[in-house]
Amino acid sequence: MLTWMESHPLPFVCTTNFVEKLDPATQRRFTFRIRFDWLTPAQLPLAWSAHFGGEAPAGLLALDRLTPGDFANVARRMRALAETDPHKILTQLAREVEAKEGAPRPIGFGR
């Protein structure tokens, strides 16, 4: 696979949630390594504005570990429910954060 990665004529794109488990030889073959992380406090109001319009409620900055995908999911949900109340939207964003917390679950087949 390593030689194929080096000689492939077209762009080669990979994604993983476990970059630390990749073999170092594999990691050296990637031209670009991009990490998509949580939104920063400065980005949260921008994401709110992009998805819901208007000024973000004060409680938004108390939430952490939100991603653009969280905002997109909540925006779709709120559109389906015809909901525009900022406090109800904020509650839904908080639920997205809560869904990420807790004990990590193993991925794959259990033994």
Protein backbone atom coordinates (compact mmCIF):
# COMPACT_ATOMS: atom_id res chain seq x y z
CA MET A 1 0.00 0.00 0.00
CA LEU A 2 2.83 2.43 0.77
CA THR A 3 4.30 2.22 -2.72
CA TRP A 4 0.85 2.62 -4.22
CA MET A 5 0.32 5.76 -2.15
CA GLU A 6 3.58 7.20 -3.46
CA SER A 7 3.02 6.34 -7.11
CA HIS A 8 -0.72 6.85 -7.55
CA PRO A 9 -1.34 9.35 -10.37
CA LEU A 10 -4.49 10.85 -8.83
CA PRO A 11 -5.04 12.59 -5.51
CA PHE A 12 -5.21 10.10 -2.66
CA VAL A 13 -7.40 11.11 0.28
CA CYS A 14 -7.85 9.33 3.60
CA THR A 15 -9.75 10.11 6.77
CA THR A 16 -9.50 8.63 10.24
CA ASN A 17 -10.51 9.26 13.81
CA PHE A 18 -7.42 7.39 14.98
CA VAL A 19 -4.45 9.16 13.43
CA GLU A 20 -2.26 8.13 16.38
CA LYS A 21 -2.71 4.48 15.36
CA LEU A 22 -1.38 4.98 11.85
CA ASP A 23 2.03 3.57 11.13
CA PRO A 24 4.64 6.37 11.00
CA ALA A 25 5.70 5.19 7.55
CA THR A 26 2.16 5.76 6.34
CA GLN A 27 1.97 9.21 7.92
CA ARG A 28 5.17 10.28 6.13
CA ARG A 29 3.49 9.65 2.75
CA PHE A 30 0.77 12.26 3.22
CA THR A 31 1.49 15.63 1.66
CA PHE A 32 -1.12 17.32 3.84
CA ARG A 33 -2.37 16.35 7.29
CA ILE A 34 -5.41 18.36 8.30
CA ARG A 35 -7.11 18.20 11.67
CA PHE A 36 -10.72 19.29 12.02
CA ASP A 37 -11.17 20.26 15.63
CA TRP A 38 -13.91 21.76 17.80
CA LEU A 39 -15.00 25.30 17.06
CA THR A 40 -13.22 27.98 19.07
CA PRO A 41 -15.14 30.51 21.19
CA ALA A 42 -14.57 33.08 18.45
CA GLN A 43 -16.05 30.73 15.82
CA LEU A 44 -19.20 29.81 17.76
CA PRO A 45 -21.08 33.10 17.12
CA LEU A 46 -20.10 32.89 13.44
CA ALA A 47 -21.54 29.38 13.19
CA TRP A 48 -24.71 30.54 14.96
CA SER A 49 -25.11 33.43 12.55
CA ALA A 50 -24.52 31.21 9.51
CA HIS A 51 -27.12 28.64 10.57
CA PHE A 52 -29.70 30.58 12.56
CA GLY A 53 -29.14 34.26 11.77
CA GLY A 54 -29.13 37.01 14.31
CA GLU A 55 -27.02 37.36 17.41
CA ALA A 56 -26.00 34.27 19.34
CA PRO A 57 -27.42 33.88 22.85
CA ALA A 58 -25.01 34.38 25.74
CA GLY A 59 -25.19 30.72 26.75
CA LEU A 60 -23.59 29.60 23.50
CA LEU A 61 -20.08 30.37 24.74
CA ALA A 62 -20.63 28.05 27.70
CA LEU A 63 -20.83 25.09 25.31
CA ASP A 64 -17.65 23.43 24.15
CA ARG A 65 -16.81 20.65 21.73
CA LEU A 66 -19.24 21.87 19.09
CA THR A 67 -18.47 21.31 15.43
CA PRO A 68 -19.92 22.76 12.23
CA GLY A 69 -21.74 19.45 11.82
CA ASP A 70 -23.49 19.92 15.17
CA PHE A 71 -24.83 23.26 14.00
CA ALA A 72 -25.94 21.74 10.68
CA ASN A 73 -27.76 18.87 12.44
CA VAL A 74 -29.55 21.19 14.83
CA ALA A 75 -30.43 23.60 12.01
CA ARG A 76 -32.06 20.76 10.04
CA ARG A 77 -33.94 19.62 13.14
CA MET A 78 -35.16 23.14 13.91
CA ARG A 79 -36.31 23.68 10.31
CA ALA A 80 -38.25 20.39 10.44
CA LEU A 81 -39.91 21.53 13.66
CA ALA A 82 -40.39 25.12 12.41
CA GLU A 83 -38.61 26.24 15.59
CA THR A 84 -36.85 29.62 15.74
CA ASP A 85 -36.65 30.31 19.49
CA PRO A 86 -32.92 30.88 20.24
CA HIS A 87 -33.21 29.29 23.69
CA LYS A 88 -34.72 26.11 22.27
CA ILE A 89 -32.02 26.02 19.61
CA LEU A 90 -29.37 26.48 22.30
CA THR A 91 -30.91 23.58 24.23
CA GLN A 92 -30.57 21.38 21.16
CA LEU A 93 -26.92 22.37 20.73
CA ALA A 94 -26.34 21.48 24.39
CA ARG A 95 -27.86 18.05 23.68
CA GLU A 96 -25.33 17.58 20.87
CA VAL A 97 -22.52 18.25 23.36
CA GLU A 98 -24.03 15.89 25.93
CA ALA A 99 -24.24 13.12 23.34
CA LYS A 100 -20.44 13.29 23.00
CA GLU A 101 -19.75 12.88 26.70
CA GLY A 102 -19.59 9.70 28.69
CA ALA A 103 -17.46 6.60 28.47
CA PRO A 104 -15.83 6.07 25.10
CA ARG A 105 -17.36 3.19 23.20
CA PRO A 106 -15.17 0.70 21.39
CA ILE A 107 -15.50 0.60 17.64
CA GLY A 108 -15.68 -2.69 15.80
CA PHE A 109 -16.57 -6.15 16.97
CA GLY A 110 -16.48 -6.98 20.67
CA ARG A 111 -14.87 -10.12 22.01
